[in-house]
PDB file of N, CA and C in Angstrom:
ATOM      1  N   MET A   1     -26.682  35.170   2.942  1.00  0.00           N
ATOM      2  CA  MET A   1     -27.207  35.053   1.693  1.00  0.00           C
ATOM      3  C   MET A   1     -27.284  33.654   1.305  1.00  0.00           C
ATOM      4  N   ILE A   2     -28.382  33.167   0.813  1.00  0.00           N
ATOM      5  CA  ILE A   2     -28.519  31.777   0.321  1.00  0.00           C
ATOM      6  C   ILE A   2     -28.050  31.524  -1.097  1.00  0.00           C
ATOM      7  N   SER A   3     -27.283  30.707  -1.308  1.00  0.00           N
ATOM      8  CA  SER A   3     -26.760  30.430  -2.610  1.00  0.00           C
ATOM      9  C   SER A   3     -27.813  29.490  -3.279  1.00  0.00           C
ATOM     10  N   THR A   4     -27.951  29.900  -4.679  1.00  0.00           N
ATOM     11  CA  THR A   4     -28.994  29.262  -5.494  1.00  0.00           C
ATOM     12  C   THR A   4     -28.224  28.289  -6.404  1.00  0.00           C
ATOM     13  N   LEU A   5     -26.884  28.267  -6.279  1.00  0.00           N
ATOM     14  CA  LEU A   5     -26.148  27.211  -7.041  1.00  0.00           C
ATOM     15  C   LEU A   5     -26.095  25.946  -6.449  1.00  0.00           C
ATOM     16  N   PRO A   6     -26.207  24.816  -7.271  1.00  0.00           N
ATOM     17  CA  PRO A   6     -26.087  23.424  -6.769  1.00  0.00           C
ATOM     18  C   PRO A   6     -24.945  23.190  -6.202  1.00  0.00           C
ATOM     19  N   LYS A   7     -24.895  22.444  -5.065  1.00  0.00           N
ATOM     20  CA  LYS A   7     -23.538  21.967  -4.331  1.00  0.00           C
ATOM     21  C   LYS A   7     -22.769  21.008  -5.110  1.00  0.00           C
ATOM     22  N   THR A   8     -21.536  21.366  -5.155  1.00  0.00           N
ATOM     23  CA  THR A   8     -20.637  20.233  -5.835  1.00  0.00           C
ATOM     24  C   THR A   8     -19.395  20.375  -4.849  1.00  0.00           C
ATOM     25  N   ASN A   9     -18.313  19.443  -5.163  1.00  0.00           N
ATOM     26  CA  ASN A   9     -17.133  19.319  -4.572  1.00  0.00           C
ATOM     27  C   ASN A   9     -16.152  20.202  -5.422  1.00  0.00           C
ATOM     28  N   ARG A  10     -16.467  20.842  -6.380  1.00  0.00           N
ATOM     29  CA  ARG A  10     -15.513  21.619  -7.305  1.00  0.00           C
ATOM     30  C   ARG A  10     -15.903  23.097  -7.055  1.00  0.00           C
ATOM     31  N   ALA A  11     -14.868  23.833  -7.348  1.00  0.00           N
ATOM     32  CA  ALA A  11     -14.951  25.159  -7.216  1.00  0.00           C
ATOM     33  C   ALA A  11     -15.982  25.916  -8.147  1.00  0.00           C
ATOM     34  N   ASN A  12     -16.539  26.986  -7.700  1.00  0.00           N
ATOM     35  CA  ASN A  12     -17.581  27.970  -8.357  1.00  0.00           C
ATOM     36  C   ASN A  12     -16.647  29.091  -8.900  1.00  0.00           C
ATOM     37  N   ILE A  13     -16.476  29.012 -10.378  1.00  0.00           N
ATOM     38  CA  ILE A  13     -15.517  30.000 -10.987  1.00  0.00           C
ATOM     39  C   ILE A  13     -16.218  30.937 -11.938  1.00  0.00           C
ATOM     40  N   LEU A  14     -16.004  32.298 -11.572  1.00  0.00           N
ATOM     41  CA  LEU A  14     -16.583  33.324 -12.479  1.00  0.00           C
ATOM     42  C   LEU A  14     -15.424  33.593 -13.292  1.00  0.00           C
ATOM     43  N   VAL A  15     -15.898  33.554 -14.637  1.00  0.00           N
ATOM     44  CA  VAL A  15     -14.995  33.687 -15.676  1.00  0.00           C
ATOM     45  C   VAL A  15     -15.471  35.013 -16.566  1.00  0.00           C
ATOM     46  N   VAL A  16     -14.607  35.953 -16.645  1.00  0.00           N
ATOM     47  CA  VAL A  16     -14.761  37.338 -17.048  1.00  0.00           C
ATOM     48  C   VAL A  16     -13.843  37.565 -18.361  1.00  0.00           C
ATOM     49  N   ASP A  17     -14.692  37.520 -19.587  1.00  0.00           N
ATOM     50  CA  ASP A  17     -13.938  37.993 -20.759  1.00  0.00           C
ATOM     51  C   ASP A  17     -14.945  38.463 -21.756  1.00  0.00           C
ATOM     52  N   ASP A  18     -14.477  39.597 -22.592  1.00  0.00           N
ATOM     53  CA  ASP A  18     -15.527  40.263 -23.476  1.00  0.00           C
ATOM     54  C   ASP A  18     -15.455  39.530 -24.757  1.00  0.00           C
ATOM     55  N   THR A  19     -14.416  38.599 -25.016  1.00  0.00           N
ATOM     56  CA  THR A  19     -14.247  37.870 -26.333  1.00  0.00           C
ATOM     57  C   THR A  19     -15.269  36.428 -26.183  1.00  0.00           C
ATOM     58  N   PRO A  20     -16.297  36.370 -26.742  1.00  0.00           N
ATOM     59  CA  PRO A  20     -17.255  35.307 -26.674  1.00  0.00           C
ATOM     60  C   PRO A  20     -16.478  33.855 -26.951  1.00  0.00           C
ATOM     61  N   GLU A  21     -15.529  33.864 -27.783  1.00  0.00           N
ATOM     62  CA  GLU A  21     -14.755  32.547 -28.098  1.00  0.00           C
ATOM     63  C   GLU A  21     -13.974  32.186 -26.830  1.00  0.00           C
ATOM     64  N   ASN A  22     -13.300  33.180 -26.332  1.00  0.00           N
ATOM     65  CA  ASN A  22     -12.488  32.930 -24.901  1.00  0.00           C
ATOM     66  C   ASN A  22     -13.488  32.501 -23.835  1.00  0.00           C
ATOM     67  N   LEU A  23     -14.491  33.149 -23.652  1.00  0.00           N
ATOM     68  CA  LEU A  23     -15.364  32.801 -22.650  1.00  0.00           C
ATOM     69  C   LEU A  23     -16.034  31.321 -22.816  1.00  0.00           C
ATOM     70  N   ARG A  24     -16.321  30.898 -24.212  1.00  0.00           N
ATOM     71  CA  ARG A  24     -16.799  29.648 -24.396  1.00  0.00           C
ATOM     72  C   ARG A  24     -15.845  28.607 -23.992  1.00  0.00           C
ATOM     73  N   LEU A  25     -14.571  28.847 -24.584  1.00  0.00           N
ATOM     74  CA  LEU A  25     -13.436  28.041 -24.502  1.00  0.00           C
ATOM     75  C   LEU A  25     -13.225  27.650 -23.118  1.00  0.00           C
ATOM     76  N   LEU A  26     -13.021  28.786 -22.314  1.00  0.00           N
ATOM     77  CA  LEU A  26     -12.793  28.523 -20.806  1.00  0.00           C
ATOM     78  C   LEU A  26     -13.763  27.886 -20.015  1.00  0.00           C
ATOM     79  N   ALA A  27     -15.047  28.259 -20.417  1.00  0.00           N
ATOM     80  CA  ALA A  27     -16.212  27.651 -19.730  1.00  0.00           C
ATOM     81  C   ALA A  27     -16.231  26.241 -20.045  1.00  0.00           C
ATOM     82  N   GLY A  28     -15.996  25.774 -21.270  1.00  0.00           N
ATOM     83  CA  GLY A  28     -16.043  24.474 -21.752  1.00  0.00           C
ATOM     84  C   GLY A  28     -15.022  23.606 -21.114  1.00  0.00           C
ATOM     85  N   ILE A  29     -13.813  24.214 -21.040  1.00  0.00           N
ATOM     86  CA  ILE A  29     -12.643  23.398 -20.382  1.00  0.00           C
ATOM     87  C   ILE A  29     -12.759  23.246 -18.986  1.00  0.00           C
ATOM     88  N   LEU A  30     -13.195  24.188 -18.152  1.00  0.00           N
ATOM     89  CA  LEU A  30     -13.514  24.169 -16.765  1.00  0.00           C
ATOM     90  C   LEU A  30     -14.684  23.299 -16.419  1.00  0.00           C
ATOM     91  N   SER A  31     -15.730  23.455 -17.144  1.00  0.00           N
ATOM     92  CA  SER A  31     -16.959  22.485 -16.921  1.00  0.00           C
ATOM     93  C   SER A  31     -16.832  21.091 -17.211  1.00  0.00           C
ATOM     94  N   GLU A  32     -16.067  20.799 -18.219  1.00  0.00           N
ATOM     95  CA  GLU A  32     -15.546  19.421 -18.319  1.00  0.00           C
ATOM     96  C   GLU A  32     -14.792  18.781 -17.207  1.00  0.00           C
ATOM     97  N   LYS A  33     -14.205  19.691 -16.601  1.00  0.00           N
ATOM     98  CA  LYS A  33     -13.389  19.126 -15.499  1.00  0.00           C
ATOM     99  C   LYS A  33     -14.210  19.200 -14.132  1.00  0.00           C
ATOM    100  N   GLY A  34     -15.537  19.361 -14.325  1.00  0.00           N
ATOM    101  CA  GLY A  34     -16.403  19.428 -13.064  1.00  0.00           C
ATOM    102  C   GLY A  34     -16.621  20.705 -12.325  1.00  0.00           C
ATOM    103  N   TYR A  35     -15.990  21.688 -12.820  1.00  0.00           N
ATOM    104  CA  TYR A  35     -16.285  23.047 -12.012  1.00  0.00           C
ATOM    105  C   TYR A  35     -17.434  23.727 -12.416  1.00  0.00           C
ATOM    106  N   GLN A  36     -18.017  24.585 -11.425  1.00  0.00           N
ATOM    107  CA  GLN A  36     -19.180  25.161 -11.664  1.00  0.00           C
ATOM    108  C   GLN A  36     -18.678  26.546 -12.433  1.00  0.00           C
ATOM    109  N   VAL A  37     -19.141  26.788 -13.546  1.00  0.00           N
ATOM    110  CA  VAL A  37     -18.486  27.896 -14.183  1.00  0.00           C
ATOM    111  C   VAL A  37     -19.718  28.919 -14.542  1.00  0.00           C
ATOM    112  N   ARG A  38     -19.490  30.169 -14.255  1.00  0.00           N
ATOM    113  CA  ARG A  38     -20.454  31.217 -14.318  1.00  0.00           C
ATOM    114  C   ARG A  38     -19.710  32.233 -15.368  1.00  0.00           C
ATOM    115  N   PRO A  39     -19.804  32.159 -16.731  1.00  0.00           N
ATOM    116  CA  PRO A  39     -19.331  33.199 -17.637  1.00  0.00           C
ATOM    117  C   PRO A  39     -20.060  34.413 -17.763  1.00  0.00           C
ATOM    118  N   VAL A  40     -19.267  35.514 -17.676  1.00  0.00           N
ATOM    119  CA  VAL A  40     -19.955  36.815 -17.884  1.00  0.00           C
ATOM    120  C   VAL A  40     -19.104  37.661 -18.856  1.00  0.00           C
ATOM    121  N   PRO A  41     -19.591  38.433 -19.870  1.00  0.00           N
ATOM    122  CA  PRO A  41     -19.040  39.118 -20.757  1.00  0.00           C
ATOM    123  C   PRO A  41     -18.315  40.601 -20.447  1.00  0.00           C
ATOM    124  N   ASN A  42     -18.596  41.118 -19.158  1.00  0.00           N
ATOM    125  CA  ASN A  42     -18.084  42.346 -18.968  1.00  0.00           C
ATOM    126  C   ASN A  42     -17.982  42.617 -17.478  1.00  0.00           C
ATOM    127  N   GLY A  43     -17.220  43.746 -17.056  1.00  0.00           N
ATOM    128  CA  GLY A  43     -16.917  44.053 -15.652  1.00  0.00           C
ATOM    129  C   GLY A  43     -18.185  44.331 -14.854  1.00  0.00           C
ATOM    130  N   LYS A  44     -19.110  44.986 -15.449  1.00  0.00           N
ATOM    131  CA  LYS A  44     -20.257  45.379 -14.569  1.00  0.00           C
ATOM    132  C   LYS A  44     -21.004  44.230 -14.237  1.00  0.00           C
ATOM    133  N   LEU A  45     -21.123  43.288 -15.115  1.00  0.00           N
ATOM    134  CA  LEU A  45     -21.908  41.860 -14.968  1.00  0.00           C
ATOM    135  C   LEU A  45     -21.104  41.102 -13.684  1.00  0.00           C
ATOM    136  N   ALA A  46     -19.831  41.199 -14.031  1.00  0.00           N
ATOM    137  CA  ALA A  46     -18.917  40.437 -13.154  1.00  0.00           C
ATOM    138  C   ALA A  46     -19.151  40.887 -11.578  1.00  0.00           C
ATOM    139  N   LEU A  47     -19.153  42.059 -11.475  1.00  0.00           N
ATOM    140  CA  LEU A  47     -19.205  42.696 -10.127  1.00  0.00           C
ATOM    141  C   LEU A  47     -20.604  42.388  -9.509  1.00  0.00           C
ATOM    142  N   SER A  48     -21.674  42.316 -10.385  1.00  0.00           N
ATOM    143  CA  SER A  48     -22.967  42.131  -9.989  1.00  0.00           C
ATOM    144  C   SER A  48     -23.147  40.541  -9.605  1.00  0.00           C
ATOM    145  N   ALA A  49     -22.651  39.675 -10.253  1.00  0.00           N
ATOM    146  CA  ALA A  49     -22.533  38.303 -10.202  1.00  0.00           C
ATOM    147  C   ALA A  49     -21.894  37.758  -8.862  1.00  0.00           C
ATOM    148  N   ALA A  50     -20.646  38.440  -8.848  1.00  0.00           N
ATOM    149  CA  ALA A  50     -19.816  38.155  -7.614  1.00  0.00           C
ATOM    150  C   ALA A  50     -20.392  38.639  -6.120  1.00  0.00           C
ATOM    151  N   GLN A  51     -21.131  39.796  -6.266  1.00  0.00           N
ATOM    152  CA  GLN A  51     -21.782  40.241  -5.122  1.00  0.00           C
ATOM    153  C   GLN A  51     -23.092  39.326  -4.755  1.00  0.00           C
ATOM    154  N   LYS A  52     -23.636  38.970  -5.748  1.00  0.00           N
ATOM    155  CA  LYS A  52     -24.920  38.222  -5.424  1.00  0.00           C
ATOM    156  C   LYS A  52     -24.560  36.655  -4.986  1.00  0.00           C
ATOM    157  N   ILE A  53     -23.800  36.030  -5.530  1.00  0.00           N
ATOM    158  CA  ILE A  53     -23.210  34.585  -5.235  1.00  0.00           C
ATOM    159  C   ILE A  53     -21.731  34.676  -5.505  1.00  0.00           C
ATOM    160  N   PRO A  54     -21.005  34.931  -4.308  1.00  0.00           N
ATOM    161  CA  PRO A  54     -19.581  35.011  -4.385  1.00  0.00           C
ATOM    162  C   PRO A  54     -18.956  33.856  -4.903  1.00  0.00           C
ATOM    163  N   PRO A  55     -18.080  33.940  -5.840  1.00  0.00           N
ATOM    164  CA  PRO A  55     -17.476  32.647  -6.426  1.00  0.00           C
ATOM    165  C   PRO A  55     -16.290  32.195  -5.528  1.00  0.00           C
ATOM    166  N   ASP A  56     -15.798  31.163  -5.713  1.00  0.00           N
ATOM    167  CA  ASP A  56     -14.498  30.720  -5.072  1.00  0.00           C
ATOM    168  C   ASP A  56     -13.121  31.448  -5.691  1.00  0.00           C
ATOM    169  N   ILE A  57     -13.303  31.579  -7.018  1.00  0.00           N
ATOM    170  CA  ILE A  57     -12.301  32.308  -7.817  1.00  0.00           C
ATOM    171  C   ILE A  57     -12.768  33.001  -8.920  1.00  0.00           C
ATOM    172  N   VAL A  58     -11.829  34.051  -9.423  1.00  0.00           N
ATOM    173  CA  VAL A  58     -12.443  34.800 -10.458  1.00  0.00           C
ATOM    174  C   VAL A  58     -11.259  34.760 -11.627  1.00  0.00           C
ATOM    175  N   LEU A  59     -11.496  34.267 -12.758  1.00  0.00           N
ATOM    176  CA  LEU A  59     -10.710  34.439 -13.961  1.00  0.00           C
ATOM    177  C   LEU A  59     -11.042  35.595 -14.685  1.00  0.00           C
ATOM    178  N   LEU A  60     -10.118  36.681 -14.718  1.00  0.00           N
ATOM    179  CA  LEU A  60     -10.537  37.930 -15.329  1.00  0.00           C
ATOM    180  C   LEU A  60      -9.513  38.423 -16.345  1.00  0.00           C
ATOM    181  N   ASP A  61     -10.160  38.774 -17.463  1.00  0.00           N
ATOM    182  CA  ASP A  61      -9.461  39.503 -18.572  1.00  0.00           C
ATOM    183  C   ASP A  61      -9.270  40.841 -18.122  1.00  0.00           C
ATOM    184  N   ILE A  62      -8.036  41.408 -18.822  1.00  0.00           N
ATOM    185  CA  ILE A  62      -7.750  42.718 -18.404  1.00  0.00           C
ATOM    186  C   ILE A  62      -8.451  43.671 -19.425  1.00  0.00           C
ATOM    187  N   LEU A  63      -8.222  43.436 -20.791  1.00  0.00           N
ATOM    188  CA  LEU A  63      -8.489  44.385 -21.660  1.00  0.00           C
ATOM    189  C   LEU A  63     -10.087  44.193 -22.100  1.00  0.00           C
ATOM    190  N   MET A  64     -10.912  45.073 -21.449  1.00  0.00           N
ATOM    191  CA  MET A  64     -12.322  44.990 -21.796  1.00  0.00           C
ATOM    192  C   MET A  64     -12.834  46.432 -21.910  1.00  0.00           C
ATOM    193  N   PRO A  65     -13.892  46.564 -22.795  1.00  0.00           N
ATOM    194  CA  PRO A  65     -14.488  47.969 -22.749  1.00  0.00           C
ATOM    195  C   PRO A  65     -15.176  48.392 -21.612  1.00  0.00           C
ATOM    196  N   GLU A  66     -15.258  49.697 -21.505  1.00  0.00           N
ATOM    197  CA  GLU A  66     -16.132  50.379 -20.337  1.00  0.00           C
ATOM    198  C   GLU A  66     -15.348  50.148 -18.999  1.00  0.00           C
ATOM    199  N   MET A  67     -15.138  48.995 -18.657  1.00  0.00           N
ATOM    200  CA  MET A  67     -14.473  48.704 -17.263  1.00  0.00           C
ATOM    201  C   MET A  67     -13.548  47.652 -17.581  1.00  0.00           C
ATOM    202  N   ASP A  68     -12.047  47.910 -17.276  1.00  0.00           N
ATOM    203  CA  ASP A  68     -11.030  46.976 -17.617  1.00  0.00           C
ATOM    204  C   ASP A  68     -10.951  46.022 -16.413  1.00  0.00           C
ATOM    205  N   GLY A  69     -10.166  45.028 -16.511  1.00  0.00           N
ATOM    206  CA  GLY A  69      -9.865  44.069 -15.502  1.00  0.00           C
ATOM    207  C   GLY A  69      -9.224  44.564 -14.265  1.00  0.00           C
ATOM    208  N   TYR A  70      -8.349  45.500 -14.324  1.00  0.00           N
ATOM    209  CA  TYR A  70      -7.866  46.259 -13.249  1.00  0.00           C
ATOM    210  C   TYR A  70      -8.927  46.861 -12.274  1.00  0.00           C
ATOM    211  N   GLN A  71      -9.781  47.715 -13.045  1.00  0.00           N
ATOM    212  CA  GLN A  71     -10.979  48.340 -12.276  1.00  0.00           C
ATOM    213  C   GLN A  71     -11.916  47.196 -11.655  1.00  0.00           C
ATOM    214  N   VAL A  72     -12.140  46.193 -12.287  1.00  0.00           N
ATOM    215  CA  VAL A  72     -13.113  45.263 -11.713  1.00  0.00           C
ATOM    216  C   VAL A  72     -12.296  44.530 -10.445  1.00  0.00           C
ATOM    217  N   CYS A  73     -10.987  44.181 -10.582  1.00  0.00           N
ATOM    218  CA  CYS A  73     -10.448  43.754  -9.392  1.00  0.00           C
ATOM    219  C   CYS A  73     -10.358  44.686  -8.404  1.00  0.00           C
ATOM    220  N   GLN A  74     -10.172  45.905  -8.544  1.00  0.00           N
ATOM    221  CA  GLN A  74     -10.048  46.957  -7.370  1.00  0.00           C
ATOM    222  C   GLN A  74     -11.430  47.098  -6.809  1.00  0.00           C
ATOM    223  N   GLN A  75     -12.482  46.910  -7.456  1.00  0.00           N
ATOM    224  CA  GLN A  75     -13.880  47.139  -6.810  1.00  0.00           C
ATOM    225  C   GLN A  75     -14.115  45.820  -6.149  1.00  0.00           C
ATOM    226  N   LEU A  76     -13.835  44.638  -6.610  1.00  0.00           N
ATOM    227  CA  LEU A  76     -13.891  43.408  -5.921  1.00  0.00           C
ATOM    228  C   LEU A  76     -13.203  43.404  -4.616  1.00  0.00           C
ATOM    229  N   LYS A  77     -11.923  44.101  -4.495  1.00  0.00           N
ATOM    230  CA  LYS A  77     -11.149  44.139  -3.314  1.00  0.00           C
ATOM    231  C   LYS A  77     -11.596  45.079  -2.457  1.00  0.00           C
ATOM    232  N   ALA A  78     -12.509  46.140  -2.885  1.00  0.00           N
ATOM    233  CA  ALA A  78     -12.942  47.368  -2.102  1.00  0.00           C
ATOM    234  C   ALA A  78     -14.372  46.907  -1.306  1.00  0.00           C
ATOM    235  N   CYS A  79     -14.935  45.764  -1.817  1.00  0.00           N
ATOM    236  CA  CYS A  79     -16.116  45.392  -1.324  1.00  0.00           C
ATOM    237  C   CYS A  79     -15.989  44.292  -0.286  1.00  0.00           C
ATOM    238  N   GLU A  80     -16.648  44.399   0.919  1.00  0.00           N
ATOM    239  CA  GLU A  80     -16.548  43.474   1.968  1.00  0.00           C
ATOM    240  C   GLU A  80     -16.952  42.045   1.597  1.00  0.00           C
ATOM    241  N   ILE A  81     -17.926  41.877   0.806  1.00  0.00           N
ATOM    242  CA  ILE A  81     -18.393  40.655   0.385  1.00  0.00           C
ATOM    243  C   ILE A  81     -17.400  39.916  -0.528  1.00  0.00           C
ATOM    244  N   THR A  82     -16.620  40.735  -1.535  1.00  0.00           N
ATOM    245  CA  THR A  82     -15.915  40.010  -2.468  1.00  0.00           C
ATOM    246  C   THR A  82     -14.299  40.124  -2.166  1.00  0.00           C
ATOM    247  N   LYS A  83     -13.889  40.965  -1.198  1.00  0.00           N
ATOM    248  CA  LYS A  83     -12.450  41.287  -0.844  1.00  0.00           C
ATOM    249  C   LYS A  83     -11.644  39.980  -0.801  1.00  0.00           C
ATOM    250  N   ASP A  84     -12.108  39.043  -0.359  1.00  0.00           N
ATOM    251  CA  ASP A  84     -11.219  37.807  -0.224  1.00  0.00           C
ATOM    252  C   ASP A  84     -11.120  36.641  -1.308  1.00  0.00           C
ATOM    253  N   ILE A  85     -11.939  37.101  -2.388  1.00  0.00           N
ATOM    254  CA  ILE A  85     -11.946  36.147  -3.469  1.00  0.00           C
ATOM    255  C   ILE A  85     -10.735  36.331  -4.313  1.00  0.00           C
ATOM    256  N   PRO A  86      -9.998  35.172  -4.478  1.00  0.00           N
ATOM    257  CA  PRO A  86      -8.923  35.249  -5.458  1.00  0.00           C
ATOM    258  C   PRO A  86      -9.097  35.599  -6.824  1.00  0.00           C
ATOM    259  N   VAL A  87      -8.164  36.543  -7.520  1.00  0.00           N
ATOM    260  CA  VAL A  87      -8.505  36.835  -8.818  1.00  0.00           C
ATOM    261  C   VAL A  87      -7.117  36.406  -9.521  1.00  0.00           C
ATOM    262  N   ILE A  88      -7.479  35.655 -10.570  1.00  0.00           N
ATOM    263  CA  ILE A  88      -6.316  35.430 -11.395  1.00  0.00           C
ATOM    264  C   ILE A  88      -6.581  36.077 -12.846  1.00  0.00           C
ATOM    265  N   PHE A  89      -5.724  36.781 -13.186  1.00  0.00           N
ATOM    266  CA  PHE A  89      -5.850  37.526 -14.505  1.00  0.00           C
ATOM    267  C   PHE A  89      -5.343  36.688 -15.671  1.00  0.00           C
ATOM    268  N   ILE A  90      -6.107  36.947 -16.709  1.00  0.00           N
ATOM    269  CA  ILE A  90      -5.840  36.106 -17.911  1.00  0.00           C
ATOM    270  C   ILE A  90      -5.890  36.984 -19.041  1.00  0.00           C
ATOM    271  N   SER A  91      -4.706  37.229 -19.685  1.00  0.00           N
ATOM    272  CA  SER A  91      -4.639  38.318 -20.747  1.00  0.00           C
ATOM    273  C   SER A  91      -3.672  38.187 -21.836  1.00  0.00           C
ATOM    274  N   ALA A  92      -3.797  38.816 -22.902  1.00  0.00           N
ATOM    275  CA  ALA A  92      -2.950  38.683 -24.102  1.00  0.00           C
ATOM    276  C   ALA A  92      -1.782  39.732 -23.727  1.00  0.00           C
ATOM    277  N   ILE A  93      -1.881  40.629 -22.754  1.00  0.00           N
ATOM    278  CA  ILE A  93      -0.879  41.524 -22.406  1.00  0.00           C
ATOM    279  C   ILE A  93       0.205  40.806 -21.686  1.00  0.00           C
ATOM    280  N   ASN A  94       1.528  41.016 -22.169  1.00  0.00           N
ATOM    281  CA  ASN A  94       2.735  40.237 -21.651  1.00  0.00           C
ATOM    282  C   ASN A  94       3.768  41.134 -20.958  1.00  0.00           C
ATOM    283  N   ASP A  95       3.404  42.463 -20.835  1.00  0.00           N
ATOM    284  CA  ASP A  95       4.471  43.335 -20.332  1.00  0.00           C
ATOM    285  C   ASP A  95       4.656  43.230 -18.913  1.00  0.00           C
ATOM    286  N   VAL A  96       5.807  43.289 -18.594  1.00  0.00           N
ATOM    287  CA  VAL A  96       6.172  43.105 -16.979  1.00  0.00           C
ATOM    288  C   VAL A  96       5.370  44.092 -16.260  1.00  0.00           C
ATOM    289  N   LEU A  97       5.448  45.366 -16.654  1.00  0.00           N
ATOM    290  CA  LEU A  97       4.519  46.455 -15.983  1.00  0.00           C
ATOM    291  C   LEU A  97       3.167  46.209 -15.836  1.00  0.00           C
ATOM    292  N   ASP A  98       2.502  45.452 -16.735  1.00  0.00           N
ATOM    293  CA  ASP A  98       1.191  45.222 -16.699  1.00  0.00           C
ATOM    294  C   ASP A  98       0.855  44.110 -15.770  1.00  0.00           C
ATOM    295  N   LYS A  99       1.738  43.182 -15.658  1.00  0.00           N
ATOM    296  CA  LYS A  99       1.766  42.181 -14.705  1.00  0.00           C
ATOM    297  C   LYS A  99       1.816  42.643 -13.160  1.00  0.00           C
ATOM    298  N   VAL A 100       2.858  43.737 -13.012  1.00  0.00           N
ATOM    299  CA  VAL A 100       3.060  44.156 -11.744  1.00  0.00           C
ATOM    300  C   VAL A 100       1.809  44.825 -11.317  1.00  0.00           C
ATOM    301  N   LYS A 101       1.218  45.597 -12.327  1.00  0.00           N
ATOM    302  CA  LYS A 101      -0.081  46.343 -11.897  1.00  0.00           C
ATOM    303  C   LYS A 101      -1.135  45.305 -11.569  1.00  0.00           C
ATOM    304  N   ALA A 102      -1.347  44.001 -12.216  1.00  0.00           N
ATOM    305  CA  ALA A 102      -2.160  43.181 -11.945  1.00  0.00           C
ATOM    306  C   ALA A 102      -2.139  42.660 -10.489  1.00  0.00           C
ATOM    307  N   PHE A 103      -0.962  42.455  -9.987  1.00  0.00           N
ATOM    308  CA  PHE A 103      -0.573  42.050  -8.559  1.00  0.00           C
ATOM    309  C   PHE A 103      -1.015  43.179  -7.732  1.00  0.00           C
ATOM    310  N   ALA A 104      -0.672  44.450  -8.132  1.00  0.00           N
ATOM    311  CA  ALA A 104      -0.684  45.644  -7.235  1.00  0.00           C
ATOM    312  C   ALA A 104      -2.242  45.935  -7.004  1.00  0.00           C
ATOM    313  N   VAL A 105      -3.004  45.524  -7.890  1.00  0.00           N
ATOM    314  CA  VAL A 105      -4.469  45.919  -7.665  1.00  0.00           C
ATOM    315  C   VAL A 105      -5.158  44.638  -6.841  1.00  0.00           C
ATOM    316  N   GLY A 106      -4.426  43.676  -6.593  1.00  0.00           N
ATOM    317  CA  GLY A 106      -4.913  42.435  -5.756  1.00  0.00           C
ATOM    318  C   GLY A 106      -5.163  41.189  -6.596  1.00  0.00           C
ATOM    319  N   GLY A 107      -4.646  41.022  -7.755  1.00  0.00           N
ATOM    320  CA  GLY A 107      -4.327  39.801  -8.495  1.00  0.00           C
ATOM    321  C   GLY A 107      -3.595  38.626  -7.703  1.00  0.00           C
ATOM    322  N   VAL A 108      -3.849  37.529  -7.732  1.00  0.00           N
ATOM    323  CA  VAL A 108      -2.866  36.402  -7.116  1.00  0.00           C
ATOM    324  C   VAL A 108      -2.173  35.685  -8.064  1.00  0.00           C
ATOM    325  N   ASP A 109      -2.494  35.829  -9.325  1.00  0.00           N
ATOM    326  CA  ASP A 109      -1.688  35.153 -10.269  1.00  0.00           C
ATOM    327  C   ASP A 109      -1.990  35.720 -11.758  1.00  0.00           C
ATOM    328  N   PHE A 110      -1.285  35.378 -12.746  1.00  0.00           N
ATOM    329  CA  PHE A 110      -1.473  35.929 -14.172  1.00  0.00           C
ATOM    330  C   PHE A 110      -1.134  34.765 -15.055  1.00  0.00           C
ATOM    331  N   ILE A 111      -2.148  34.628 -16.098  1.00  0.00           N
ATOM    332  CA  ILE A 111      -1.877  33.607 -17.132  1.00  0.00           C
ATOM    333  C   ILE A 111      -2.040  34.430 -18.372  1.00  0.00           C
ATOM    334  N   THR A 112      -0.945  34.124 -19.403  1.00  0.00           N
ATOM    335  CA  THR A 112      -0.918  34.829 -20.575  1.00  0.00           C
ATOM    336  C   THR A 112      -1.662  34.194 -21.609  1.00  0.00           C
ATOM    337  N   LYS A 113      -2.316  34.943 -22.662  1.00  0.00           N
ATOM    338  CA  LYS A 113      -3.086  34.402 -23.600  1.00  0.00           C
ATOM    339  C   LYS A 113      -2.002  34.374 -24.837  1.00  0.00           C
ATOM    340  N   PRO A 114      -2.103  33.477 -25.696  1.00  0.00           N
ATOM    341  CA  PRO A 114      -2.968  32.327 -25.551  1.00  0.00           C
ATOM    342  C   PRO A 114      -2.583  31.249 -24.599  1.00  0.00           C
ATOM    343  N   PHE A 115      -3.657  30.840 -23.818  1.00  0.00           N
ATOM    344  CA  PHE A 115      -3.391  30.181 -22.764  1.00  0.00           C
ATOM    345  C   PHE A 115      -3.319  28.674 -22.972  1.00  0.00           C
ATOM    346  N   GLN A 116      -2.598  27.700 -22.209  1.00  0.00           N
ATOM    347  CA  GLN A 116      -2.657  26.332 -22.262  1.00  0.00           C
ATOM    348  C   GLN A 116      -3.580  25.822 -21.348  1.00  0.00           C
ATOM    349  N   VAL A 117      -4.275  24.809 -21.695  1.00  0.00           N
ATOM    350  CA  VAL A 117      -5.238  24.212 -20.851  1.00  0.00           C
ATOM    351  C   VAL A 117      -4.690  23.814 -19.638  1.00  0.00           C
ATOM    352  N   GLU A 118      -3.712  23.156 -19.735  1.00  0.00           N
ATOM    353  CA  GLU A 118      -2.891  22.478 -18.481  1.00  0.00           C
ATOM    354  C   GLU A 118      -2.608  23.650 -17.408  1.00  0.00           C
ATOM    355  N   GLU A 119      -2.143  24.730 -17.968  1.00  0.00           N
ATOM    356  CA  GLU A 119      -1.803  25.841 -17.196  1.00  0.00           C
ATOM    357  C   GLU A 119      -2.931  26.387 -16.522  1.00  0.00           C
ATOM    358  N   VAL A 120      -4.189  26.627 -17.221  1.00  0.00           N
ATOM    359  CA  VAL A 120      -5.310  27.080 -16.449  1.00  0.00           C
ATOM    360  C   VAL A 120      -5.777  26.047 -15.364  1.00  0.00           C
ATOM    361  N   LEU A 121      -5.762  24.846 -15.558  1.00  0.00           N
ATOM    362  CA  LEU A 121      -6.211  23.831 -14.621  1.00  0.00           C
ATOM    363  C   LEU A 121      -5.224  23.769 -13.480  1.00  0.00           C
ATOM    364  N   ALA A 122      -4.022  23.992 -13.776  1.00  0.00           N
ATOM    365  CA  ALA A 122      -3.061  23.883 -12.572  1.00  0.00           C
ATOM    366  C   ALA A 122      -3.208  25.114 -11.663  1.00  0.00           C
ATOM    367  N   ARG A 123      -3.450  26.346 -12.265  1.00  0.00           N
ATOM    368  CA  ARG A 123      -3.730  27.590 -11.335  1.00  0.00           C
ATOM    369  C   ARG A 123      -4.852  27.735 -10.954  1.00  0.00           C
TER     370      ARG A 123
END
């Protein structure tokens, strides 16, 4: 597959969040730091975008309508094209069992909202 994204030295990050303000904030923060950011508002678009041009990493909200972040992550991990892409969950959910579930479905990290800019960049 040929990528149509311009080449840069920074990661190509797929940001998935159904809240427009969060999407804009994360995209703005990461773009300012030189990352290629592809914001999408739902799970179905995330899966499609990831399969067309696999990102280097996915920042994924958990609580979304129709398809939650757990389901999106499970489908990413079940697909040969996207199975090795690291997924960092970013969510207002702060319960231990939810965090454990995020790791169980294939997440590599978890950031709790409201997030700190420094934490997002560090992870």
